[in-house]
Amino acid sequence: QHDSAHLSSSPPGPYQQNAYVMKPEDKLKQPPILPPHLLQVLLNKDTGISCDPTLLPEPNHVMLNHLYALSIKDGVMVLSATHRYKKKYVTTLLYKPI
């Protein structure tokens, strides 16, 4: 029979109050490579001639809930984020003059 009073949800091991110290070899590491499916920016997709240009193609599920920044063009930065609500997709755009 186990005594549940002595069980903890914390992982075993020592716990300390020391601050994390970055090692010199950690500074040389490159940031992780962006997954290729996140390079598919929804706003850069071609809608085609037969499509309504105000409608975007249906986003891939990995494109949802990410913030995308387009290249600054003509002094304007564009940010976008796509969210799903039931079977609909909502893309919000923010235009910011720089």
PDB file of N, CA and C in Angstrom:
ATOM      1  N   GLN A   1       0.848  -1.179   0.000  1.00  0.00           N
ATOM      2  CA  GLN A   1       0.000   0.000   0.000  1.00  0.00           C
ATOM      3  C   GLN A   1       0.892   1.240   0.000  1.00  0.00           C
ATOM      4  N   HIS A   2       0.542   2.214  -0.899  1.00  0.00           N
ATOM      5  CA  HIS A   2       1.325   3.440  -1.037  1.00  0.00           C
ATOM      6  C   HIS A   2       0.725   4.546  -0.184  1.00  0.00           C
ATOM      7  N   ASP A   3       1.580   5.312   0.410  1.00  0.00           N
ATOM      8  CA  ASP A   3       1.133   6.459   1.192  1.00  0.00           C
ATOM      9  C   ASP A   3       1.147   7.677   0.268  1.00  0.00           C
ATOM     10  N   SER A   4      -0.028   8.135  -0.155  1.00  0.00           N
ATOM     11  CA  SER A   4      -0.116   9.227  -1.120  1.00  0.00           C
ATOM     12  C   SER A   4       0.277  10.577  -0.528  1.00  0.00           C
ATOM     13  N   ALA A   5       0.416  10.686   0.767  1.00  0.00           N
ATOM     14  CA  ALA A   5       0.805  11.951   1.403  1.00  0.00           C
ATOM     15  C   ALA A   5       2.251  12.321   1.070  1.00  0.00           C
ATOM     16  N   HIS A   6       3.087  11.314   0.733  1.00  0.00           N
ATOM     17  CA  HIS A   6       4.496  11.581   0.445  1.00  0.00           C
ATOM     18  C   HIS A   6       4.769  11.752  -1.049  1.00  0.00           C
ATOM     19  N   LEU A   7       3.749  11.607  -1.882  1.00  0.00           N
ATOM     20  CA  LEU A   7       3.934  11.750  -3.319  1.00  0.00           C
ATOM     21  C   LEU A   7       3.808  13.216  -3.713  1.00  0.00           C
ATOM     22  N   SER A   8       4.601  13.627  -4.664  1.00  0.00           N
ATOM     23  CA  SER A   8       4.586  15.009  -5.131  1.00  0.00           C
ATOM     24  C   SER A   8       4.418  15.017  -6.644  1.00  0.00           C
ATOM     25  N   SER A   9       3.804  16.064  -7.156  1.00  0.00           N
ATOM     26  CA  SER A   9       3.672  16.186  -8.608  1.00  0.00           C
ATOM     27  C   SER A   9       4.925  16.803  -9.226  1.00  0.00           C
ATOM     28  N   SER A  10       5.869  17.279  -8.409  1.00  0.00           N
ATOM     29  CA  SER A  10       7.111  17.856  -8.906  1.00  0.00           C
ATOM     30  C   SER A  10       8.080  16.754  -9.288  1.00  0.00           C
ATOM     31  N   PRO A  11       8.876  16.985 -10.334  1.00  0.00           N
ATOM     32  CA  PRO A  11       9.900  16.001 -10.700  1.00  0.00           C
ATOM     33  C   PRO A  11      10.923  15.846  -9.585  1.00  0.00           C
ATOM     34  N   PRO A  12      11.491  14.660  -9.441  1.00  0.00           N
ATOM     35  CA  PRO A  12      12.501  14.468  -8.395  1.00  0.00           C
ATOM     36  C   PRO A  12      13.800  15.180  -8.765  1.00  0.00           C
ATOM     37  N   GLY A  13      14.577  15.483  -7.779  1.00  0.00           N
ATOM     38  CA  GLY A  13      15.868  16.111  -8.015  1.00  0.00           C
ATOM     39  C   GLY A  13      16.033  17.357  -7.181  1.00  0.00           C
ATOM     40  N   PRO A  14      17.256  17.904  -7.178  1.00  0.00           N
ATOM     41  CA  PRO A  14      17.506  19.091  -6.359  1.00  0.00           C
ATOM     42  C   PRO A  14      16.920  20.351  -7.004  1.00  0.00           C
ATOM     43  N   TYR A  15      16.492  21.270  -6.177  1.00  0.00           N
ATOM     44  CA  TYR A  15      15.990  22.569  -6.628  1.00  0.00           C
ATOM     45  C   TYR A  15      16.846  23.639  -5.973  1.00  0.00           C
ATOM     46  N   GLN A  16      17.232  24.651  -6.770  1.00  0.00           N
ATOM     47  CA  GLN A  16      18.116  25.701  -6.270  1.00  0.00           C
ATOM     48  C   GLN A  16      17.565  27.067  -6.646  1.00  0.00           C
ATOM     49  N   GLN A  17      18.087  28.087  -6.019  1.00  0.00           N
ATOM     50  CA  GLN A  17      17.703  29.467  -6.305  1.00  0.00           C
ATOM     51  C   GLN A  17      18.753  30.177  -7.160  1.00  0.00           C
ATOM     52  N   ASN A  18      19.745  29.443  -7.662  1.00  0.00           N
ATOM     53  CA  ASN A  18      20.814  30.051  -8.446  1.00  0.00           C
ATOM     54  C   ASN A  18      20.284  30.479  -9.809  1.00  0.00           C
ATOM     55  N   ALA A  19      20.749  31.639 -10.272  1.00  0.00           N
ATOM     56  CA  ALA A  19      20.366  32.133 -11.593  1.00  0.00           C
ATOM     57  C   ALA A  19      21.063  31.301 -12.670  1.00  0.00           C
ATOM     58  N   TYR A  20      20.424  31.200 -13.850  1.00  0.00           N
ATOM     59  CA  TYR A  20      21.016  30.471 -14.969  1.00  0.00           C
ATOM     60  C   TYR A  20      22.202  31.268 -15.502  1.00  0.00           C
ATOM     61  N   VAL A  21      23.333  30.595 -15.681  1.00  0.00           N
ATOM     62  CA  VAL A  21      24.531  31.225 -16.224  1.00  0.00           C
ATOM     63  C   VAL A  21      24.756  30.661 -17.616  1.00  0.00           C
ATOM     64  N   MET A  22      24.803  31.556 -18.604  1.00  0.00           N
ATOM     65  CA  MET A  22      24.990  31.116 -19.984  1.00  0.00           C
ATOM     66  C   MET A  22      26.437  30.711 -20.202  1.00  0.00           C
ATOM     67  N   LYS A  23      26.629  29.543 -20.782  1.00  0.00           N
ATOM     68  CA  LYS A  23      27.971  29.046 -21.075  1.00  0.00           C
ATOM     69  C   LYS A  23      28.462  29.688 -22.372  1.00  0.00           C
ATOM     70  N   PRO A  24      29.783  29.841 -22.535  1.00  0.00           N
ATOM     71  CA  PRO A  24      30.303  30.450 -23.772  1.00  0.00           C
ATOM     72  C   PRO A  24      29.880  29.697 -25.030  1.00  0.00           C
ATOM     73  N   GLU A  25      29.781  28.375 -24.966  1.00  0.00           N
ATOM     74  CA  GLU A  25      29.389  27.622 -26.168  1.00  0.00           C
ATOM     75  C   GLU A  25      27.912  27.835 -26.527  1.00  0.00           C
ATOM     76  N   ASP A  26      27.085  28.260 -25.565  1.00  0.00           N
ATOM     77  CA  ASP A  26      25.680  28.550 -25.861  1.00  0.00           C
ATOM     78  C   ASP A  26      25.539  29.782 -26.744  1.00  0.00           C
ATOM     79  N   LYS A  27      26.471  30.731 -26.627  1.00  0.00           N
ATOM     80  CA  LYS A  27      26.402  31.954 -27.421  1.00  0.00           C
ATOM     81  C   LYS A  27      26.672  31.686 -28.896  1.00  0.00           C
ATOM     82  N   LEU A  28      27.382  30.617 -29.208  1.00  0.00           N
ATOM     83  CA  LEU A  28      27.738  30.313 -30.589  1.00  0.00           C
ATOM     84  C   LEU A  28      26.625  29.579 -31.322  1.00  0.00           C
ATOM     85  N   LYS A  29      25.625  29.094 -30.606  1.00  0.00           N
ATOM     86  CA  LYS A  29      24.548  28.341 -31.250  1.00  0.00           C
ATOM     87  C   LYS A  29      23.660  29.269 -32.062  1.00  0.00           C
ATOM     88  N   GLN A  30      23.259  28.793 -33.225  1.00  0.00           N
ATOM     89  CA  GLN A  30      22.342  29.533 -34.081  1.00  0.00           C
ATOM     90  C   GLN A  30      20.913  29.292 -33.621  1.00  0.00           C
ATOM     91  N   PRO A  31      19.999  30.214 -33.906  1.00  0.00           N
ATOM     92  CA  PRO A  31      18.600  29.953 -33.570  1.00  0.00           C
ATOM     93  C   PRO A  31      18.071  28.789 -34.397  1.00  0.00           C
ATOM     94  N   PRO A  32      17.037  28.126 -33.947  1.00  0.00           N
ATOM     95  CA  PRO A  32      16.512  26.995 -34.713  1.00  0.00           C
ATOM     96  C   PRO A  32      15.994  27.441 -36.077  1.00  0.00           C
ATOM     97  N   ILE A  33      16.082  26.544 -37.040  1.00  0.00           N
ATOM     98  CA  ILE A  33      15.623  26.825 -38.401  1.00  0.00           C
ATOM     99  C   ILE A  33      14.105  26.840 -38.408  1.00  0.00           C
ATOM    100  N   LEU A  34      13.528  27.818 -39.107  1.00  0.00           N
ATOM    101  CA  LEU A  34      12.078  27.934 -39.206  1.00  0.00           C
ATOM    102  C   LEU A  34      11.530  26.762 -40.013  1.00  0.00           C
ATOM    103  N   PRO A  35      10.515  26.088 -39.505  1.00  0.00           N
ATOM    104  CA  PRO A  35       9.925  24.977 -40.269  1.00  0.00           C
ATOM    105  C   PRO A  35       9.413  25.471 -41.620  1.00  0.00           C
ATOM    106  N   PRO A  36       9.585  24.704 -42.692  1.00  0.00           N
ATOM    107  CA  PRO A  36       9.235  25.187 -44.041  1.00  0.00           C
ATOM    108  C   PRO A  36       7.759  25.519 -44.204  1.00  0.00           C
ATOM    109  N   HIS A  37       6.865  24.842 -43.478  1.00  0.00           N
ATOM    110  CA  HIS A  37       5.443  25.142 -43.661  1.00  0.00           C
ATOM    111  C   HIS A  37       5.077  26.520 -43.107  1.00  0.00           C
ATOM    112  N   LEU A  38       5.903  27.101 -42.236  1.00  0.00           N
ATOM    113  CA  LEU A  38       5.631  28.452 -41.749  1.00  0.00           C
ATOM    114  C   LEU A  38       6.128  29.523 -42.715  1.00  0.00           C
ATOM    115  N   LEU A  39       6.864  29.116 -43.741  1.00  0.00           N
ATOM    116  CA  LEU A  39       7.304  30.067 -44.764  1.00  0.00           C
ATOM    117  C   LEU A  39       6.204  30.351 -45.783  1.00  0.00           C
ATOM    118  N   GLN A  40       5.134  29.573 -45.744  1.00  0.00           N
ATOM    119  CA  GLN A  40       4.027  29.773 -46.679  1.00  0.00           C
ATOM    120  C   GLN A  40       3.089  30.836 -46.112  1.00  0.00           C
ATOM    121  N   VAL A  41       3.386  32.088 -46.411  1.00  0.00           N
ATOM    122  CA  VAL A  41       2.585  33.194 -45.899  1.00  0.00           C
ATOM    123  C   VAL A  41       1.307  33.284 -46.723  1.00  0.00           C
ATOM    124  N   LEU A  42       0.185  33.267 -46.029  1.00  0.00           N
ATOM    125  CA  LEU A  42      -1.115  33.260 -46.678  1.00  0.00           C
ATOM    126  C   LEU A  42      -1.323  34.479 -47.570  1.00  0.00           C
ATOM    127  N   LEU A  43      -0.805  35.623 -47.160  1.00  0.00           N
ATOM    128  CA  LEU A  43      -1.000  36.853 -47.929  1.00  0.00           C
ATOM    129  C   LEU A  43      -0.183  36.867 -49.214  1.00  0.00           C
ATOM    130  N   ASN A  44       0.813  36.020 -49.324  1.00  0.00           N
ATOM    131  CA  ASN A  44       1.626  35.975 -50.536  1.00  0.00           C
ATOM    132  C   ASN A  44       1.109  34.971 -51.553  1.00  0.00           C
ATOM    133  N   LYS A  45       0.041  34.242 -51.228  1.00  0.00           N
ATOM    134  CA  LYS A  45      -0.505  33.237 -52.143  1.00  0.00           C
ATOM    135  C   LYS A  45      -1.242  33.923 -53.281  1.00  0.00           C
ATOM    136  N   ASP A  46      -1.143  33.347 -54.466  1.00  0.00           N
ATOM    137  CA  ASP A  46      -1.849  33.862 -55.631  1.00  0.00           C
ATOM    138  C   ASP A  46      -3.283  33.338 -55.603  1.00  0.00           C
ATOM    139  N   THR A  47      -4.255  34.238 -55.738  1.00  0.00           N
ATOM    140  CA  THR A  47      -5.652  33.822 -55.701  1.00  0.00           C
ATOM    141  C   THR A  47      -6.143  33.337 -57.066  1.00  0.00           C
ATOM    142  N   GLY A  48      -5.413  33.634 -58.124  1.00  0.00           N
ATOM    143  CA  GLY A  48      -5.838  33.207 -59.455  1.00  0.00           C
ATOM    144  C   GLY A  48      -6.794  34.214 -60.069  1.00  0.00           C
ATOM    145  N   ILE A  49      -7.006  34.101 -61.362  1.00  0.00           N
ATOM    146  CA  ILE A  49      -7.840  35.060 -62.081  1.00  0.00           C
ATOM    147  C   ILE A  49      -9.324  34.817 -61.803  1.00  0.00           C
ATOM    148  N   SER A  50      -9.734  33.553 -61.707  1.00  0.00           N
ATOM    149  CA  SER A  50     -11.151  33.235 -61.563  1.00  0.00           C
ATOM    150  C   SER A  50     -11.666  33.466 -60.139  1.00  0.00           C
ATOM    151  N   CYS A  51     -10.770  33.653 -59.167  1.00  0.00           N
ATOM    152  CA  CYS A  51     -11.190  33.818 -57.770  1.00  0.00           C
ATOM    153  C   CYS A  51     -11.433  35.284 -57.445  1.00  0.00           C
ATOM    154  N   ASP A  52     -12.249  35.500 -56.449  1.00  0.00           N
ATOM    155  CA  ASP A  52     -12.464  36.843 -55.924  1.00  0.00           C
ATOM    156  C   ASP A  52     -11.178  37.275 -55.222  1.00  0.00           C
ATOM    157  N   PRO A  53     -10.568  38.396 -55.623  1.00  0.00           N
ATOM    158  CA  PRO A  53      -9.286  38.788 -55.025  1.00  0.00           C
ATOM    159  C   PRO A  53      -9.381  39.161 -53.544  1.00  0.00           C
ATOM    160  N   THR A  54     -10.595  39.385 -53.024  1.00  0.00           N
ATOM    161  CA  THR A  54     -10.734  39.709 -51.608  1.00  0.00           C
ATOM    162  C   THR A  54     -10.794  38.464 -50.744  1.00  0.00           C
ATOM    163  N   LEU A  55     -10.903  37.276 -51.353  1.00  0.00           N
ATOM    164  CA  LEU A  55     -10.948  36.027 -50.604  1.00  0.00           C
ATOM    165  C   LEU A  55      -9.588  35.354 -50.661  1.00  0.00           C
ATOM    166  N   LEU A  56      -9.116  34.937 -49.526  1.00  0.00           N
ATOM    167  CA  LEU A  56      -7.844  34.222 -49.465  1.00  0.00           C
ATOM    168  C   LEU A  56      -8.103  32.731 -49.554  1.00  0.00           C
ATOM    169  N   PRO A  57      -7.126  31.955 -50.021  1.00  0.00           N
ATOM    170  CA  PRO A  57      -7.292  30.501 -50.022  1.00  0.00           C
ATOM    171  C   PRO A  57      -7.369  29.964 -48.589  1.00  0.00           C
ATOM    172  N   GLU A  58      -7.944  28.782 -48.426  1.00  0.00           N
ATOM    173  CA  GLU A  58      -8.073  28.193 -47.091  1.00  0.00           C
ATOM    174  C   GLU A  58      -6.692  27.924 -46.523  1.00  0.00           C
ATOM    175  N   PRO A  59      -6.433  28.373 -45.299  1.00  0.00           N
ATOM    176  CA  PRO A  59      -5.090  28.207 -44.723  1.00  0.00           C
ATOM    177  C   PRO A  59      -4.844  26.780 -44.259  1.00  0.00           C
ATOM    178  N   ASN A  60      -3.591  26.401 -44.279  1.00  0.00           N
ATOM    179  CA  ASN A  60      -3.161  25.139 -43.715  1.00  0.00           C
ATOM    180  C   ASN A  60      -3.279  25.259 -42.193  1.00  0.00           C
ATOM    181  N   HIS A  61      -3.551  24.161 -41.507  1.00  0.00           N
ATOM    182  CA  HIS A  61      -3.748  24.225 -40.058  1.00  0.00           C
ATOM    183  C   HIS A  61      -2.519  24.744 -39.307  1.00  0.00           C
ATOM    184  N   VAL A  62      -1.337  24.581 -39.867  1.00  0.00           N
ATOM    185  CA  VAL A  62      -0.133  25.061 -39.179  1.00  0.00           C
ATOM    186  C   VAL A  62       0.046  26.569 -39.327  1.00  0.00           C
ATOM    187  N   MET A  63      -0.699  27.203 -40.221  1.00  0.00           N
ATOM    188  CA  MET A  63      -0.608  28.653 -40.394  1.00  0.00           C
ATOM    189  C   MET A  63      -1.439  29.414 -39.370  1.00  0.00           C
ATOM    190  N   LEU A  64      -2.311  28.717 -38.656  1.00  0.00           N
ATOM    191  CA  LEU A  64      -3.210  29.382 -37.722  1.00  0.00           C
ATOM    192  C   LEU A  64      -2.467  29.825 -36.468  1.00  0.00           C
ATOM    193  N   ASN A  65      -2.924  30.939 -35.920  1.00  0.00           N
ATOM    194  CA  ASN A  65      -2.422  31.467 -34.641  1.00  0.00           C
ATOM    195  C   ASN A  65      -0.937  31.815 -34.657  1.00  0.00           C
ATOM    196  N   HIS A  66      -0.425  32.201 -35.814  1.00  0.00           N
ATOM    197  CA  HIS A  66       0.947  32.694 -35.913  1.00  0.00           C
ATOM    198  C   HIS A  66       0.893  34.132 -36.405  1.00  0.00           C
ATOM    199  N   LEU A  67       1.838  34.938 -35.958  1.00  0.00           N
ATOM    200  CA  LEU A  67       1.940  36.317 -36.421  1.00  0.00           C
ATOM    201  C   LEU A  67       2.924  36.355 -37.589  1.00  0.00           C
ATOM    202  N   TYR A  68       2.471  36.892 -38.703  1.00  0.00           N
ATOM    203  CA  TYR A  68       3.315  37.012 -39.888  1.00  0.00           C
ATOM    204  C   TYR A  68       3.600  38.481 -40.152  1.00  0.00           C
ATOM    205  N   ALA A  69       4.826  38.778 -40.529  1.00  0.00           N
ATOM    206  CA  ALA A  69       5.217  40.135 -40.887  1.00  0.00           C
ATOM    207  C   ALA A  69       5.728  40.113 -42.312  1.00  0.00           C
ATOM    208  N   LEU A  70       5.115  40.898 -43.156  1.00  0.00           N
ATOM    209  CA  LEU A  70       5.574  41.004 -44.529  1.00  0.00           C
ATOM    210  C   LEU A  70       6.713  42.007 -44.602  1.00  0.00           C
ATOM    211  N   SER A  71       7.468  41.960 -45.670  1.00  0.00           N
ATOM    212  CA  SER A  71       8.564  42.899 -45.847  1.00  0.00           C
ATOM    213  C   SER A  71       8.019  44.319 -45.912  1.00  0.00           C
ATOM    214  N   ILE A  72       8.778  45.248 -45.350  1.00  0.00           N
ATOM    215  CA  ILE A  72       8.365  46.651 -45.377  1.00  0.00           C
ATOM    216  C   ILE A  72       8.446  47.145 -46.813  1.00  0.00           C
ATOM    217  N   LYS A  73       7.329  47.697 -47.304  1.00  0.00           N
ATOM    218  CA  LYS A  73       7.263  48.179 -48.681  1.00  0.00           C
ATOM    219  C   LYS A  73       6.591  49.541 -48.674  1.00  0.00           C
ATOM    220  N   ASP A  74       7.192  50.489 -49.337  1.00  0.00           N
ATOM    221  CA  ASP A  74       6.675  51.861 -49.416  1.00  0.00           C
ATOM    222  C   ASP A  74       6.453  52.462 -48.033  1.00  0.00           C
ATOM    223  N   GLY A  75       7.327  52.124 -47.084  1.00  0.00           N
ATOM    224  CA  GLY A  75       7.244  52.683 -45.746  1.00  0.00           C
ATOM    225  C   GLY A  75       6.109  52.142 -44.896  1.00  0.00           C
ATOM    226  N   VAL A  76       5.546  50.981 -45.276  1.00  0.00           N
ATOM    227  CA  VAL A  76       4.441  50.387 -44.519  1.00  0.00           C
ATOM    228  C   VAL A  76       4.800  48.949 -44.156  1.00  0.00           C
ATOM    229  N   MET A  77       4.625  48.622 -42.872  1.00  0.00           N
ATOM    230  CA  MET A  77       4.824  47.253 -42.423  1.00  0.00           C
ATOM    231  C   MET A  77       3.444  46.617 -42.257  1.00  0.00           C
ATOM    232  N   VAL A  78       3.297  45.365 -42.700  1.00  0.00           N
ATOM    233  CA  VAL A  78       2.025  44.659 -42.607  1.00  0.00           C
ATOM    234  C   VAL A  78       2.202  43.430 -41.729  1.00  0.00           C
ATOM    235  N   LEU A  79       1.357  43.316 -40.710  1.00  0.00           N
ATOM    236  CA  LEU A  79       1.312  42.145 -39.840  1.00  0.00           C
ATOM    237  C   LEU A  79      -0.018  41.446 -40.057  1.00  0.00           C
ATOM    238  N   SER A  80      -0.010  40.118 -39.983  1.00  0.00           N
ATOM    239  CA  SER A  80      -1.262  39.380 -40.143  1.00  0.00           C
ATOM    240  C   SER A  80      -1.284  38.182 -39.207  1.00  0.00           C
ATOM    241  N   ALA A  81      -2.492  37.781 -38.859  1.00  0.00           N
ATOM    242  CA  ALA A  81      -2.707  36.575 -38.061  1.00  0.00           C
ATOM    243  C   ALA A  81      -4.028  35.971 -38.503  1.00  0.00           C
ATOM    244  N   THR A  82      -4.057  34.648 -38.647  1.00  0.00           N
ATOM    245  CA  THR A  82      -5.269  33.941 -39.065  1.00  0.00           C
ATOM    246  C   THR A  82      -5.738  33.042 -37.935  1.00  0.00           C
ATOM    247  N   HIS A  83      -7.019  33.117 -37.649  1.00  0.00           N
ATOM    248  CA  HIS A  83      -7.634  32.310 -36.599  1.00  0.00           C
ATOM    249  C   HIS A  83      -8.831  31.582 -37.186  1.00  0.00           C
ATOM    250  N   ARG A  84      -9.205  30.484 -36.576  1.00  0.00           N
ATOM    251  CA  ARG A  84     -10.370  29.726 -37.030  1.00  0.00           C
ATOM    252  C   ARG A  84     -11.476  29.845 -35.991  1.00  0.00           C
ATOM    253  N   TYR A  85     -12.690  30.054 -36.473  1.00  0.00           N
ATOM    254  CA  TYR A  85     -13.876  30.033 -35.631  1.00  0.00           C
ATOM    255  C   TYR A  85     -14.871  29.095 -36.300  1.00  0.00           C
ATOM    256  N   LYS A  86     -15.083  27.939 -35.680  1.00  0.00           N
ATOM    257  CA  LYS A  86     -15.918  26.868 -36.225  1.00  0.00           C
ATOM    258  C   LYS A  86     -15.387  26.498 -37.604  1.00  0.00           C
ATOM    259  N   LYS A  87     -16.131  26.732 -38.680  1.00  0.00           N
ATOM    260  CA  LYS A  87     -15.646  26.366 -40.021  1.00  0.00           C
ATOM    261  C   LYS A  87     -15.188  27.577 -40.829  1.00  0.00           C
ATOM    262  N   LYS A  88     -15.101  28.707 -40.184  1.00  0.00           N
ATOM    263  CA  LYS A  88     -14.681  29.937 -40.865  1.00  0.00           C
ATOM    264  C   LYS A  88     -13.277  30.324 -40.421  1.00  0.00           C
ATOM    265  N   TYR A  89     -12.573  31.037 -41.294  1.00  0.00           N
ATOM    266  CA  TYR A  89     -11.237  31.539 -41.000  1.00  0.00           C
ATOM    267  C   TYR A  89     -11.275  33.060 -41.050  1.00  0.00           C
ATOM    268  N   VAL A  90     -10.624  33.685 -40.078  1.00  0.00           N
ATOM    269  CA  VAL A  90     -10.575  35.146 -40.013  1.00  0.00           C
ATOM    270  C   VAL A  90      -9.111  35.557 -40.021  1.00  0.00           C
ATOM    271  N   THR A  91      -8.752  36.378 -40.988  1.00  0.00           N
ATOM    272  CA  THR A  91      -7.390  36.903 -41.076  1.00  0.00           C
ATOM    273  C   THR A  91      -7.450  38.388 -40.736  1.00  0.00           C
ATOM    274  N   THR A  92      -6.675  38.784 -39.739  1.00  0.00           N
ATOM    275  CA  THR A  92      -6.625  40.181 -39.312  1.00  0.00           C
ATOM    276  C   THR A  92      -5.327  40.786 -39.809  1.00  0.00           C
ATOM    277  N   LEU A  93      -5.438  41.965 -40.399  1.00  0.00           N
ATOM    278  CA  LEU A  93      -4.265  42.672 -40.914  1.00  0.00           C
ATOM    279  C   LEU A  93      -4.052  43.958 -40.135  1.00  0.00           C
ATOM    280  N   LEU A  94      -2.803  44.280 -39.885  1.00  0.00           N
ATOM    281  CA  LEU A  94      -2.442  45.521 -39.250  1.00  0.00           C
ATOM    282  C   LEU A  94      -1.434  46.222 -40.151  1.00  0.00           C
ATOM    283  N   TYR A  95      -1.779  47.412 -40.614  1.00  0.00           N
ATOM    284  CA  TYR A  95      -0.901  48.209 -41.458  1.00  0.00           C
ATOM    285  C   TYR A  95      -0.294  49.296 -40.585  1.00  0.00           C
ATOM    286  N   LYS A  96       1.028  49.359 -40.546  1.00  0.00           N
ATOM    287  CA  LYS A  96       1.716  50.331 -39.706  1.00  0.00           C
ATOM    288  C   LYS A  96       2.718  51.120 -40.542  1.00  0.00           C
ATOM    289  N   PRO A  97       2.489  52.443 -40.694  1.00  0.00           N
ATOM    290  CA  PRO A  97       3.488  53.266 -41.398  1.00  0.00           C
ATOM    291  C   PRO A  97       4.774  53.339 -40.567  1.00  0.00           C
ATOM    292  N   ILE A  98       5.877  53.190 -41.221  1.00  0.00           N
ATOM    293  CA  ILE A  98       7.177  53.232 -40.539  1.00  0.00           C
ATOM    294  C   ILE A  98       7.862  54.553 -40.835  1.00  0.00           C
TER     295      ILE A  98
END
